[in-house]
Amino acid sequence: MKNVPDTVIACVGGGSNAIGTFYPMIDNGVEMIGVEAAGKGLKTGMHSATLNAGKKACYMV
């Protein structure tokens, strides 16, 4: 790649957004940050942060 960023941020959980964003950066030394939806907070049970909370969940505001 010609112009490589220092950091790339993408939503994770569904997969396609993150992998589509991260894949071209894997071998370029780019910091990759995945972000999950926290909804009303991880301790409320009203979130969709499956990686952090350890179970599938969906909460829509």
Protein backbone atom coordinates (compact mmCIF):
# COMPACT_ATOMS: atom_id res chain seq x y z
CA MET A 1 0.00 0.00 0.00
CA LYS A 2 1.18 3.48 -0.79
CA ASN A 3 -0.43 5.52 2.02
CA VAL A 4 -0.68 3.43 5.19
CA PRO A 5 -2.34 4.82 8.33
CA ASP A 6 -0.86 4.39 11.81
CA THR A 7 -4.15 3.12 13.26
CA VAL A 8 -7.39 1.64 11.87
CA ILE A 9 -10.61 1.36 13.92
CA ALA A 10 -13.56 -0.84 12.94
CA CYS A 11 -16.74 -2.25 14.48
CA VAL A 12 -16.49 -5.95 15.35
CA GLY A 13 -19.19 -8.48 16.07
CA GLY A 14 -20.69 -9.05 12.63
CA GLY A 15 -17.26 -9.56 11.11
CA SER A 16 -17.48 -8.18 7.60
CA ASN A 17 -16.78 -4.54 8.49
CA ALA A 18 -13.71 -5.35 10.56
CA ILE A 19 -12.14 -7.94 8.28
CA GLY A 20 -12.74 -5.78 5.21
CA THR A 21 -10.98 -2.90 6.95
CA PHE A 22 -8.23 -4.86 8.73
CA TYR A 23 -7.22 -7.40 6.07
CA PRO A 24 -5.26 -5.03 3.80
CA MET A 25 -3.40 -3.71 6.87
CA ILE A 26 -2.29 -7.03 8.42
CA ASP A 27 1.25 -7.04 7.04
CA ASN A 28 1.78 -3.27 7.14
CA GLY A 29 2.49 -2.71 10.85
CA VAL A 30 -0.80 -0.87 11.37
CA GLU A 31 -2.39 -0.80 14.84
CA MET A 32 -5.86 -2.37 14.50
CA ILE A 33 -8.58 -1.60 17.06
CA GLY A 34 -11.88 -3.50 17.16
CA VAL A 35 -14.84 -1.86 18.91
CA GLU A 36 -17.99 -3.58 20.22
CA ALA A 37 -21.37 -1.98 20.88
CA ALA A 38 -21.82 -1.53 24.64
CA GLY A 39 -25.44 -0.31 24.51
CA LYS A 40 -26.39 0.75 28.03
CA GLY A 41 -23.27 -0.82 29.55
CA LEU A 42 -21.78 -4.28 29.91
CA LYS A 43 -23.20 -4.83 33.40
CA THR A 44 -26.79 -3.98 32.37
CA GLY A 45 -27.33 -6.95 30.05
CA MET A 46 -28.55 -4.46 27.42
CA HIS A 47 -25.65 -4.57 24.96
CA SER A 48 -24.37 -6.54 21.99
CA ALA A 49 -20.75 -6.91 23.09
CA THR A 50 -20.40 -10.65 22.48
CA LEU A 51 -16.61 -10.70 22.66
CA ASN A 52 -16.34 -8.83 25.95
CA ALA A 53 -19.43 -10.26 27.67
CA GLY A 54 -19.00 -13.83 26.40
CA LYS A 55 -22.50 -14.48 25.04
CA LYS A 56 -24.61 -13.45 22.10
CA ALA A 57 -26.87 -10.49 22.82
CA CYS A 58 -28.64 -7.70 21.01
CA TYR A 59 -29.98 -4.45 22.40
CA MET A 60 -31.41 -1.69 20.26
CA VAL A 61 -32.06 1.81 21.57
